[in-house]
Amino acid sequence: MLKKPAASKRASLPRAADYTKTFLKDWQRLSHPGRYDMVRLKEAMILLIANDEPLGAEWLDH
């Protein structure tokens, strides 16, 4: 299994909104080391915002 490079996992903040300081700190903390796929997280957040309903089965981790 090949790992993705850290740069491909980084993403800018989703949409312009009023972010709390805690959210911004968490986003920076999670995106900095490249351990988490922030692009996928951003996709999930946009789906939640756009649809205003629970995510589909492909997004469930268990």
C-alpha atoms as a PDB file:
ATOM      1  CA  MET A   1       0.000   0.000   0.000  1.00  0.00           C
ATOM      2  CA  LEU A   2       1.529   3.291  -1.083  1.00  0.00           C
ATOM      3  CA  LYS A   3       1.207   6.313   1.131  1.00  0.00           C
ATOM      4  CA  LYS A   4       0.084   9.623  -0.306  1.00  0.00           C
ATOM      5  CA  PRO A   5       2.598  12.463   0.002  1.00  0.00           C
ATOM      6  CA  ALA A   6       1.751  14.998   2.705  1.00  0.00           C
ATOM      7  CA  ALA A   7       1.229  17.811   0.193  1.00  0.00           C
ATOM      8  CA  SER A   8      -1.591  15.929  -1.531  1.00  0.00           C
ATOM      9  CA  LYS A   9      -3.471  15.611   1.767  1.00  0.00           C
ATOM     10  CA  ARG A  10      -3.562  19.321   2.546  1.00  0.00           C
ATOM     11  CA  ALA A  11      -6.564  21.498   1.736  1.00  0.00           C
ATOM     12  CA  SER A  12      -7.617  25.073   2.254  1.00  0.00           C
ATOM     13  CA  LEU A  13     -10.428  25.867   4.656  1.00  0.00           C
ATOM     14  CA  PRO A  14     -13.884  24.981   3.319  1.00  0.00           C
ATOM     15  CA  ARG A  15     -16.039  27.951   2.289  1.00  0.00           C
ATOM     16  CA  ALA A  16     -15.950  31.367   3.883  1.00  0.00           C
ATOM     17  CA  ALA A  17     -17.813  31.458   7.181  1.00  0.00           C
ATOM     18  CA  ASP A  18     -17.391  32.535  10.762  1.00  0.00           C
ATOM     19  CA  TYR A  19     -14.895  30.015  12.107  1.00  0.00           C
ATOM     20  CA  THR A  20     -14.226  29.819  15.819  1.00  0.00           C
ATOM     21  CA  LYS A  21     -10.675  30.120  17.034  1.00  0.00           C
ATOM     22  CA  THR A  22     -10.852  26.515  18.226  1.00  0.00           C
ATOM     23  CA  PHE A  23     -11.846  25.285  14.751  1.00  0.00           C
ATOM     24  CA  LEU A  24      -9.004  27.209  13.105  1.00  0.00           C
ATOM     25  CA  LYS A  25      -6.464  25.848  15.596  1.00  0.00           C
ATOM     26  CA  ASP A  26      -7.742  22.301  15.108  1.00  0.00           C
ATOM     27  CA  TRP A  27      -7.622  22.655  11.310  1.00  0.00           C
ATOM     28  CA  GLN A  28      -4.020  23.892  11.468  1.00  0.00           C
ATOM     29  CA  ARG A  29      -3.018  21.163  13.931  1.00  0.00           C
ATOM     30  CA  LEU A  30      -4.511  18.375  11.815  1.00  0.00           C
ATOM     31  CA  SER A  31      -3.301  19.636   8.431  1.00  0.00           C
ATOM     32  CA  HIS A  32       0.281  20.481   9.413  1.00  0.00           C
ATOM     33  CA  PRO A  33       1.913  17.057   9.788  1.00  0.00           C
ATOM     34  CA  GLY A  34       0.177  15.521   6.751  1.00  0.00           C
ATOM     35  CA  ARG A  35      -1.165  12.526   8.692  1.00  0.00           C
ATOM     36  CA  TYR A  36      -4.778  13.209   7.778  1.00  0.00           C
ATOM     37  CA  ASP A  37      -6.323  13.560   4.332  1.00  0.00           C
ATOM     38  CA  MET A  38      -7.754  17.083   4.695  1.00  0.00           C
ATOM     39  CA  VAL A  39      -9.117  17.033   1.131  1.00  0.00           C
ATOM     40  CA  ARG A  40     -11.403  14.149   2.103  1.00  0.00           C
ATOM     41  CA  LEU A  41     -12.419  15.939   5.314  1.00  0.00           C
ATOM     42  CA  LYS A  42     -13.238  19.063   3.305  1.00  0.00           C
ATOM     43  CA  GLU A  43     -15.396  16.994   0.915  1.00  0.00           C
ATOM     44  CA  ALA A  44     -17.340  15.547   3.852  1.00  0.00           C
ATOM     45  CA  MET A  45     -17.861  18.994   5.392  1.00  0.00           C
ATOM     46  CA  ILE A  46     -19.150  20.412   2.108  1.00  0.00           C
ATOM     47  CA  LEU A  47     -21.565  17.477   1.737  1.00  0.00           C
ATOM     48  CA  LEU A  48     -22.885  18.083   5.249  1.00  0.00           C
ATOM     49  CA  ILE A  49     -23.333  21.808   4.610  1.00  0.00           C
ATOM     50  CA  ALA A  50     -24.889  21.428   1.150  1.00  0.00           C
ATOM     51  CA  ASN A  51     -27.295  18.560   1.832  1.00  0.00           C
ATOM     52  CA  ASP A  52     -28.262  19.289   5.444  1.00  0.00           C
ATOM     53  CA  GLU A  53     -28.724  15.542   6.039  1.00  0.00           C
ATOM     54  CA  PRO A  54     -26.566  12.628   7.276  1.00  0.00           C
ATOM     55  CA  LEU A  55     -23.711  11.379   5.109  1.00  0.00           C
ATOM     56  CA  GLY A  56     -24.031   8.282   2.943  1.00  0.00           C
ATOM     57  CA  ALA A  57     -22.701   4.819   3.795  1.00  0.00           C
ATOM     58  CA  GLU A  58     -19.422   5.358   1.891  1.00  0.00           C
ATOM     59  CA  TRP A  59     -18.415   7.990   4.466  1.00  0.00           C
ATOM     60  CA  LEU A  60     -19.001   5.782   7.537  1.00  0.00           C
ATOM     61  CA  ASP A  61     -15.833   4.356   9.056  1.00  0.00           C
ATOM     62  CA  HIS A  62     -17.478   1.399  10.786  1.00  0.00           C
END
